[in-house]
């Protein structure tokens, strides 16, 4: 478990994001923000899930089920804390008058190997598959509908195409010269597990752990749609 200082290093940026942001309406822009607060989860002070020196209340909904251990619970604390602060930032965008004309995409690079509601009833790999269920939230220009859950087959690799959809921006990948739309094929998607450290890989290649890698199609919520990859 990480310390409070590790969590605060990233959380503080989200906490003060509204104050760090300025609005310039002279031209359109693309803004990319990365944050690691959820990488350093800790127990926070419930029910507001705020960082304090001494936590006296770790209450959370996951305590009601024995499936969710302490690791899952601290991730819940960190995730909720971050989402609450993102909510504050979204409100500030509304106050500054730029919420409606901004497309907002919140995407995680990966999930976490913990028990999640999506896979808790699977007979096998229920914890491992948590790595392959990352967060993806999208608010389009001038959107006013209520928040909905869309269960269509998506990947976090869809984020770039979502970002430029409907805009006068080429869909050609400048590095490969390939059209990104034409390259999309979700009939079967392979997802690979690998270690984060560069030392675990080759100079120009990634090394995958095939014992924890899968192919998936149609819906991630149906266990039979998952197949372990063979090397």
C-alpha atoms as a PDB file:
ATOM      1  CA  UNK A   1       0.000   0.000   0.000  1.00  0.00           C
ATOM      2  CA  UNK A   2       1.332   3.423  -0.946  1.00  0.00           C
ATOM      3  CA  UNK A   3       1.775   6.273   1.518  1.00  0.00           C
ATOM      4  CA  UNK A   4      -0.314   9.433   1.727  1.00  0.00           C
ATOM      5  CA  UNK A   5       2.483  11.505   0.149  1.00  0.00           C
ATOM      6  CA  UNK A   6       2.512   9.339  -2.992  1.00  0.00           C
ATOM      7  CA  UNK A   7      -1.241   9.725  -3.388  1.00  0.00           C
ATOM      8  CA  UNK A   8      -1.134  13.479  -2.755  1.00  0.00           C
ATOM      9  CA  UNK A   9       1.523  14.027  -5.420  1.00  0.00           C
ATOM     10  CA  UNK A  10      -1.076  13.270  -8.094  1.00  0.00           C
ATOM     11  CA  UNK A  11      -4.339  13.959  -6.255  1.00  0.00           C
ATOM     12  CA  UNK A  12      -3.336  17.551  -5.502  1.00  0.00           C
ATOM     13  CA  UNK A  13      -3.172  18.324  -9.221  1.00  0.00           C
ATOM     14  CA  UNK A  14      -6.773  17.193  -9.696  1.00  0.00           C
ATOM     15  CA  UNK A  15      -7.822  18.982  -6.504  1.00  0.00           C
ATOM     16  CA  UNK A  16      -6.464  22.312  -7.774  1.00  0.00           C
ATOM     17  CA  UNK A  17      -7.222  21.704 -11.450  1.00  0.00           C
ATOM     18  CA  UNK A  18      -9.905  24.381 -11.612  1.00  0.00           C
ATOM     19  CA  UNK A  19      -7.462  26.966 -10.255  1.00  0.00           C
ATOM     20  CA  UNK A  20      -4.644  25.821 -12.536  1.00  0.00           C
ATOM     21  CA  UNK A  21      -6.826  26.165 -15.628  1.00  0.00           C
ATOM     22  CA  UNK A  22      -7.287  29.298 -17.713  1.00  0.00           C
ATOM     23  CA  UNK A  23      -9.797  29.827 -20.519  1.00  0.00           C
ATOM     24  CA  UNK A  24      -8.697  31.358 -23.818  1.00  0.00           C
ATOM     25  CA  UNK A  25     -11.451  31.647 -26.419  1.00  0.00           C
ATOM     26  CA  UNK A  26      -9.243  32.930 -29.226  1.00  0.00           C
ATOM     27  CA  UNK A  27      -8.872  29.487 -30.849  1.00  0.00           C
ATOM     28  CA  UNK A  28      -9.780  25.840 -30.400  1.00  0.00           C
ATOM     29  CA  UNK A  29      -7.334  23.517 -28.706  1.00  0.00           C
ATOM     30  CA  UNK A  30      -6.561  19.954 -27.708  1.00  0.00           C
ATOM     31  CA  UNK A  31      -5.618  19.472 -24.065  1.00  0.00           C
ATOM     32  CA  UNK A  32      -4.194  16.218 -22.729  1.00  0.00           C
ATOM     33  CA  UNK A  33      -3.958  15.603 -18.985  1.00  0.00           C
ATOM     34  CA  UNK A  34      -2.474  12.485 -17.365  1.00  0.00           C
ATOM     35  CA  UNK A  35      -2.724  11.680 -13.674  1.00  0.00           C
ATOM     36  CA  UNK A  36      -1.579   8.750 -11.520  1.00  0.00           C
ATOM     37  CA  UNK A  37      -3.641   9.247  -8.358  1.00  0.00           C
ATOM     38  CA  UNK A  38      -5.433   5.928  -8.839  1.00  0.00           C
ATOM     39  CA  UNK A  39      -2.052   4.198  -9.189  1.00  0.00           C
ATOM     40  CA  UNK A  40      -1.297   4.977  -5.536  1.00  0.00           C
ATOM     41  CA  UNK A  41      -4.507   3.979  -3.715  1.00  0.00           C
ATOM     42  CA  UNK A  42      -4.887   4.401   0.042  1.00  0.00           C
ATOM     43  CA  UNK A  43      -7.710   4.465   2.561  1.00  0.00           C
ATOM     44  CA  UNK A  44      -9.207   7.950   2.770  1.00  0.00           C
ATOM     45  CA  UNK A  45     -11.576   9.574   5.208  1.00  0.00           C
ATOM     46  CA  UNK A  46     -15.145   8.443   4.535  1.00  0.00           C
ATOM     47  CA  UNK A  47     -17.801   9.425   3.649  1.00  0.00           C
ATOM     48  CA  UNK A  48     -16.203  12.194   1.569  1.00  0.00           C
ATOM     49  CA  UNK A  49     -13.082  10.139   0.702  1.00  0.00           C
ATOM     50  CA  UNK A  50     -10.641  12.925   1.486  1.00  0.00           C
ATOM     51  CA  UNK A  51      -6.944  12.500   2.338  1.00  0.00           C
ATOM     52  CA  UNK A  52      -6.183  13.139   6.007  1.00  0.00           C
ATOM     53  CA  UNK A  53      -3.245  12.439   8.293  1.00  0.00           C
ATOM     54  CA  UNK A  54      -5.154   9.906  10.389  1.00  0.00           C
ATOM     55  CA  UNK A  55      -8.081   8.061   8.825  1.00  0.00           C
ATOM     56  CA  UNK A  56     -10.806   7.171  11.334  1.00  0.00           C
ATOM     57  CA  UNK A  57     -13.565   6.029   8.968  1.00  0.00           C
ATOM     58  CA  UNK A  58     -12.897   3.704   6.017  1.00  0.00           C
ATOM     59  CA  UNK A  59     -16.552   2.904   5.349  1.00  0.00           C
ATOM     60  CA  UNK A  60     -17.295   1.918   1.756  1.00  0.00           C
ATOM     61  CA  UNK A  61     -19.930  -0.165  -0.076  1.00  0.00           C
ATOM     62  CA  UNK A  62     -17.481  -2.981  -0.842  1.00  0.00           C
ATOM     63  CA  UNK A  63     -17.335  -3.899   2.840  1.00  0.00           C
ATOM     64  CA  UNK A  64     -20.783  -5.412   2.464  1.00  0.00           C
ATOM     65  CA  UNK A  65     -19.431  -8.326   0.360  1.00  0.00           C
ATOM     66  CA  UNK A  66     -16.663 -10.687   1.442  1.00  0.00           C
ATOM     67  CA  UNK A  67     -15.414 -10.910  -2.160  1.00  0.00           C
ATOM     68  CA  UNK A  68     -13.829  -7.472  -1.926  1.00  0.00           C
ATOM     69  CA  UNK A  69     -10.616  -7.512   0.082  1.00  0.00           C
ATOM     70  CA  UNK A  70      -8.633  -4.556   1.406  1.00  0.00           C
ATOM     71  CA  UNK A  71      -6.844  -4.027  -1.915  1.00  0.00           C
ATOM     72  CA  UNK A  72     -10.160  -3.695  -3.724  1.00  0.00           C
ATOM     73  CA  UNK A  73     -11.443  -1.324  -1.047  1.00  0.00           C
ATOM     74  CA  UNK A  74      -8.490   1.069  -1.185  1.00  0.00           C
ATOM     75  CA  UNK A  75      -8.906   1.227  -4.958  1.00  0.00           C
ATOM     76  CA  UNK A  76     -12.559   2.122  -4.414  1.00  0.00           C
ATOM     77  CA  UNK A  77     -11.490   4.926  -2.057  1.00  0.00           C
ATOM     78  CA  UNK A  78      -8.964   6.339  -4.532  1.00  0.00           C
ATOM     79  CA  UNK A  79     -11.269   6.048  -7.539  1.00  0.00           C
ATOM     80  CA  UNK A  80     -14.175   7.744  -5.796  1.00  0.00           C
ATOM     81  CA  UNK A  81     -11.908  10.516  -4.485  1.00  0.00           C
ATOM     82  CA  UNK A  82     -10.626  11.235  -7.983  1.00  0.00           C
ATOM     83  CA  UNK A  83     -14.089  11.142  -9.570  1.00  0.00           C
ATOM     84  CA  UNK A  84     -15.421  13.590  -6.981  1.00  0.00           C
ATOM     85  CA  UNK A  85     -12.652  16.042  -7.808  1.00  0.00           C
ATOM     86  CA  UNK A  86     -13.242  15.559 -11.547  1.00  0.00           C
ATOM     87  CA  UNK A  87     -16.870  16.418 -10.833  1.00  0.00           C
ATOM     88  CA  UNK A  88     -15.709  19.676  -9.246  1.00  0.00           C
ATOM     89  CA  UNK A  89     -13.620  20.417 -12.330  1.00  0.00           C
ATOM     90  CA  UNK A  90     -16.549  19.748 -14.665  1.00  0.00           C
ATOM     91  CA  UNK A  91     -18.659  22.176 -12.634  1.00  0.00           C
ATOM     92  CA  UNK A  92     -15.938  24.797 -13.019  1.00  0.00           C
ATOM     93  CA  UNK A  93     -16.021  24.304 -16.795  1.00  0.00           C
ATOM     94  CA  UNK A  94     -19.740  25.060 -16.692  1.00  0.00           C
ATOM     95  CA  UNK A  95     -19.123  28.186 -14.604  1.00  0.00           C
ATOM     96  CA  UNK A  96     -16.506  29.375 -17.109  1.00  0.00           C
ATOM     97  CA  UNK A  97     -18.893  28.760 -20.000  1.00  0.00           C
ATOM     98  CA  UNK A  98     -16.773  26.168 -21.823  1.00  0.00           C
ATOM     99  CA  UNK A  99     -18.406  22.894 -20.786  1.00  0.00           C
ATOM    100  CA  UNK A 100     -20.852  22.677 -23.693  1.00  0.00           C
ATOM    101  CA  UNK A 101     -18.307  23.417 -26.431  1.00  0.00           C
ATOM    102  CA  UNK A 102     -15.759  20.943 -25.048  1.00  0.00           C
ATOM    103  CA  UNK A 103     -15.510  17.243 -25.880  1.00  0.00           C
ATOM    104  CA  UNK A 104     -14.263  15.455 -22.774  1.00  0.00           C
ATOM    105  CA  UNK A 105     -12.807  11.937 -22.796  1.00  0.00           C
ATOM    106  CA  UNK A 106     -11.654  10.263 -19.593  1.00  0.00           C
ATOM    107  CA  UNK A 107      -9.830   7.019 -20.341  1.00  0.00           C
ATOM    108  CA  UNK A 108      -7.658   4.702 -18.262  1.00  0.00           C
ATOM    109  CA  UNK A 109      -4.659   2.896 -19.703  1.00  0.00           C
ATOM    110  CA  UNK A 110      -5.646  -0.327 -17.924  1.00  0.00           C
ATOM    111  CA  UNK A 111      -7.794  -1.747 -15.144  1.00  0.00           C
ATOM    112  CA  UNK A 112      -6.593  -3.532 -12.010  1.00  0.00           C
ATOM    113  CA  UNK A 113      -6.350  -7.168 -10.991  1.00  0.00           C
ATOM    114  CA  UNK A 114      -9.015  -6.998  -8.306  1.00  0.00           C
ATOM    115  CA  UNK A 115     -12.515  -8.409  -7.966  1.00  0.00           C
ATOM    116  CA  UNK A 116     -14.965  -6.211  -9.871  1.00  0.00           C
ATOM    117  CA  UNK A 117     -18.750  -6.463 -10.254  1.00  0.00           C
ATOM    118  CA  UNK A 118     -18.331  -7.151 -13.984  1.00  0.00           C
ATOM    119  CA  UNK A 119     -16.496 -10.453 -13.485  1.00  0.00           C
ATOM    120  CA  UNK A 120     -17.168 -11.518  -9.884  1.00  0.00           C
ATOM    121  CA  UNK A 121     -19.480 -14.345 -10.970  1.00  0.00           C
ATOM    122  CA  UNK A 122     -17.050 -15.790 -13.548  1.00  0.00           C
ATOM    123  CA  UNK A 123     -15.879 -19.315 -12.760  1.00  0.00           C
ATOM    124  CA  UNK A 124     -12.257 -18.513 -13.697  1.00  0.00           C
ATOM    125  CA  UNK A 125      -9.976 -15.463 -14.086  1.00  0.00           C
ATOM    126  CA  UNK A 126     -12.474 -13.202 -12.316  1.00  0.00           C
ATOM    127  CA  UNK A 127      -9.699 -11.163 -10.665  1.00  0.00           C
ATOM    128  CA  UNK A 128      -7.236 -11.219 -13.564  1.00  0.00           C
ATOM    129  CA  UNK A 129      -9.779  -9.880 -16.052  1.00  0.00           C
ATOM    130  CA  UNK A 130     -10.089  -6.740 -13.974  1.00  0.00           C
ATOM    131  CA  UNK A 131      -6.949  -5.559 -15.767  1.00  0.00           C
ATOM    132  CA  UNK A 132      -8.929  -5.534 -19.020  1.00  0.00           C
ATOM    133  CA  UNK A 133     -11.889  -3.419 -17.907  1.00  0.00           C
ATOM    134  CA  UNK A 134     -10.535   0.150 -17.791  1.00  0.00           C
ATOM    135  CA  UNK A 135     -12.583   3.280 -17.346  1.00  0.00           C
ATOM    136  CA  UNK A 136     -13.894   5.065 -20.436  1.00  0.00           C
ATOM    137  CA  UNK A 137     -16.135   8.125 -20.113  1.00  0.00           C
ATOM    138  CA  UNK A 138     -17.148  10.442 -22.948  1.00  0.00           C
ATOM    139  CA  UNK A 139     -19.007  13.761 -22.950  1.00  0.00           C
ATOM    140  CA  UNK A 140     -19.541  15.115 -26.459  1.00  0.00           C
ATOM    141  CA  UNK A 141     -20.007  18.683 -27.644  1.00  0.00           C
ATOM    142  CA  UNK A 142     -23.280  20.227 -26.427  1.00  0.00           C
ATOM    143  CA  UNK A 143     -24.346  16.973 -24.763  1.00  0.00           C
ATOM    144  CA  UNK A 144     -27.206  17.410 -22.313  1.00  0.00           C
ATOM    145  CA  UNK A 145     -28.474  13.855 -21.872  1.00  0.00           C
ATOM    146  CA  UNK A 146     -28.390  12.025 -18.551  1.00  0.00           C
ATOM    147  CA  UNK A 147     -25.413   9.810 -17.800  1.00  0.00           C
ATOM    148  CA  UNK A 148     -25.840   6.368 -19.357  1.00  0.00           C
ATOM    149  CA  UNK A 149     -23.861   3.113 -19.339  1.00  0.00           C
ATOM    150  CA  UNK A 150     -23.000   1.889 -22.820  1.00  0.00           C
ATOM    151  CA  UNK A 151     -22.064  -1.804 -22.879  1.00  0.00           C
ATOM    152  CA  UNK A 152     -21.092  -2.032 -26.554  1.00  0.00           C
ATOM    153  CA  UNK A 153     -17.738  -3.665 -27.266  1.00  0.00           C
ATOM    154  CA  UNK A 154     -15.165  -0.896 -26.794  1.00  0.00           C
ATOM    155  CA  UNK A 155     -11.436  -0.632 -26.182  1.00  0.00           C
ATOM    156  CA  UNK A 156      -9.398   2.251 -24.804  1.00  0.00           C
ATOM    157  CA  UNK A 157      -7.785   2.368 -28.263  1.00  0.00           C
ATOM    158  CA  UNK A 158     -11.093   3.857 -29.478  1.00  0.00           C
ATOM    159  CA  UNK A 159     -10.287   7.111 -27.662  1.00  0.00           C
ATOM    160  CA  UNK A 160      -8.274   8.759 -30.504  1.00  0.00           C
ATOM    161  CA  UNK A 161     -11.072   8.234 -33.021  1.00  0.00           C
ATOM    162  CA  UNK A 162     -13.611   9.529 -30.516  1.00  0.00           C
ATOM    163  CA  UNK A 163     -11.488  12.626 -30.013  1.00  0.00           C
ATOM    164  CA  UNK A 164     -11.443  13.582 -33.714  1.00  0.00           C
ATOM    165  CA  UNK A 165     -14.903  12.337 -34.696  1.00  0.00           C
ATOM    166  CA  UNK A 166     -16.740  14.935 -36.774  1.00  0.00           C
ATOM    167  CA  UNK A 167     -13.771  17.307 -36.798  1.00  0.00           C
ATOM    168  CA  UNK A 168     -11.721  18.384 -39.840  1.00  0.00           C
ATOM    169  CA  UNK A 169      -8.810  16.180 -38.791  1.00  0.00           C
ATOM    170  CA  UNK A 170      -7.296  13.391 -40.866  1.00  0.00           C
ATOM    171  CA  UNK A 171      -7.834   9.851 -39.629  1.00  0.00           C
ATOM    172  CA  UNK A 172      -4.471   8.808 -41.087  1.00  0.00           C
ATOM    173  CA  UNK A 173      -1.915   7.785 -38.489  1.00  0.00           C
ATOM    174  CA  UNK A 174       1.062  10.097 -39.191  1.00  0.00           C
ATOM    175  CA  UNK A 175       3.542   7.454 -38.015  1.00  0.00           C
ATOM    176  CA  UNK A 176       2.260   4.465 -40.004  1.00  0.00           C
ATOM    177  CA  UNK A 177       0.440   6.166 -42.864  1.00  0.00           C
ATOM    178  CA  UNK A 178      -2.552   3.871 -42.254  1.00  0.00           C
ATOM    179  CA  UNK A 179      -6.124   5.057 -41.925  1.00  0.00           C
ATOM    180  CA  UNK A 180      -7.184   4.451 -38.337  1.00  0.00           C
ATOM    181  CA  UNK A 181     -10.843   3.898 -39.197  1.00  0.00           C
ATOM    182  CA  UNK A 182     -10.001   1.293 -41.836  1.00  0.00           C
ATOM    183  CA  UNK A 183      -7.752  -0.528 -39.354  1.00  0.00           C
ATOM    184  CA  UNK A 184     -10.508  -1.053 -36.772  1.00  0.00           C
ATOM    185  CA  UNK A 185     -11.505  -4.721 -36.569  1.00  0.00           C
ATOM    186  CA  UNK A 186     -13.323  -5.900 -33.447  1.00  0.00           C
ATOM    187  CA  UNK A 187     -14.367  -9.317 -34.672  1.00  0.00           C
ATOM    188  CA  UNK A 188     -11.733 -10.595 -32.230  1.00  0.00           C
ATOM    189  CA  UNK A 189      -9.524  -8.381 -30.062  1.00  0.00           C
ATOM    190  CA  UNK A 190      -6.333  -9.675 -28.463  1.00  0.00           C
ATOM    191  CA  UNK A 191      -5.352  -8.183 -25.115  1.00  0.00           C
ATOM    192  CA  UNK A 192      -1.861  -8.731 -23.770  1.00  0.00           C
ATOM    193  CA  UNK A 193      -0.416  -8.670 -20.272  1.00  0.00           C
ATOM    194  CA  UNK A 194       3.096  -7.318 -19.823  1.00  0.00           C
ATOM    195  CA  UNK A 195       5.185  -5.852 -17.030  1.00  0.00           C
ATOM    196  CA  UNK A 196       5.536  -2.087 -16.787  1.00  0.00           C
ATOM    197  CA  UNK A 197       9.285  -1.896 -16.247  1.00  0.00           C
ATOM    198  CA  UNK A 198      11.381  -1.295 -19.416  1.00  0.00           C
ATOM    199  CA  UNK A 199      13.936  -3.804 -18.102  1.00  0.00           C
ATOM    200  CA  UNK A 200      11.352  -6.573 -18.591  1.00  0.00           C
ATOM    201  CA  UNK A 201      11.314  -6.072 -22.367  1.00  0.00           C
ATOM    202  CA  UNK A 202      13.684  -6.134 -25.318  1.00  0.00           C
ATOM    203  CA  UNK A 203      15.371  -3.081 -26.780  1.00  0.00           C
ATOM    204  CA  UNK A 204      12.759  -2.705 -29.528  1.00  0.00           C
ATOM    205  CA  UNK A 205      10.108  -5.250 -28.532  1.00  0.00           C
ATOM    206  CA  UNK A 206       7.587  -5.931 -25.796  1.00  0.00           C
ATOM    207  CA  UNK A 207       7.550  -9.269 -24.020  1.00  0.00           C
ATOM    208  CA  UNK A 208       4.074 -10.546 -23.209  1.00  0.00           C
ATOM    209  CA  UNK A 209       2.946 -12.952 -20.512  1.00  0.00           C
ATOM    210  CA  UNK A 210       0.685 -15.264 -22.506  1.00  0.00           C
ATOM    211  CA  UNK A 211      -0.583 -16.998 -19.358  1.00  0.00           C
ATOM    212  CA  UNK A 212      -2.423 -13.754 -18.596  1.00  0.00           C
ATOM    213  CA  UNK A 213      -3.299 -12.667 -22.147  1.00  0.00           C
ATOM    214  CA  UNK A 214      -6.637 -13.260 -23.887  1.00  0.00           C
ATOM    215  CA  UNK A 215      -8.696 -12.911 -27.025  1.00  0.00           C
ATOM    216  CA  UNK A 216     -12.168 -11.437 -26.596  1.00  0.00           C
ATOM    217  CA  UNK A 217     -15.141 -10.800 -28.872  1.00  0.00           C
ATOM    218  CA  UNK A 218     -18.616  -9.234 -28.817  1.00  0.00           C
ATOM    219  CA  UNK A 219     -19.017  -8.637 -25.073  1.00  0.00           C
ATOM    220  CA  UNK A 220     -16.554  -8.682 -22.184  1.00  0.00           C
ATOM    221  CA  UNK A 221     -19.355  -9.565 -19.770  1.00  0.00           C
ATOM    222  CA  UNK A 222     -19.906 -13.087 -21.128  1.00  0.00           C
ATOM    223  CA  UNK A 223     -17.317 -15.549 -19.819  1.00  0.00           C
ATOM    224  CA  UNK A 224     -17.408 -17.795 -22.888  1.00  0.00           C
ATOM    225  CA  UNK A 225     -16.277 -14.854 -25.027  1.00  0.00           C
ATOM    226  CA  UNK A 226     -12.849 -14.928 -23.381  1.00  0.00           C
ATOM    227  CA  UNK A 227     -10.122 -17.323 -24.572  1.00  0.00           C
ATOM    228  CA  UNK A 228      -6.571 -17.515 -23.252  1.00  0.00           C
ATOM    229  CA  UNK A 229      -3.987 -16.783 -25.931  1.00  0.00           C
ATOM    230  CA  UNK A 230      -1.366 -19.330 -26.884  1.00  0.00           C
ATOM    231  CA  UNK A 231       2.178 -18.238 -27.617  1.00  0.00           C
END
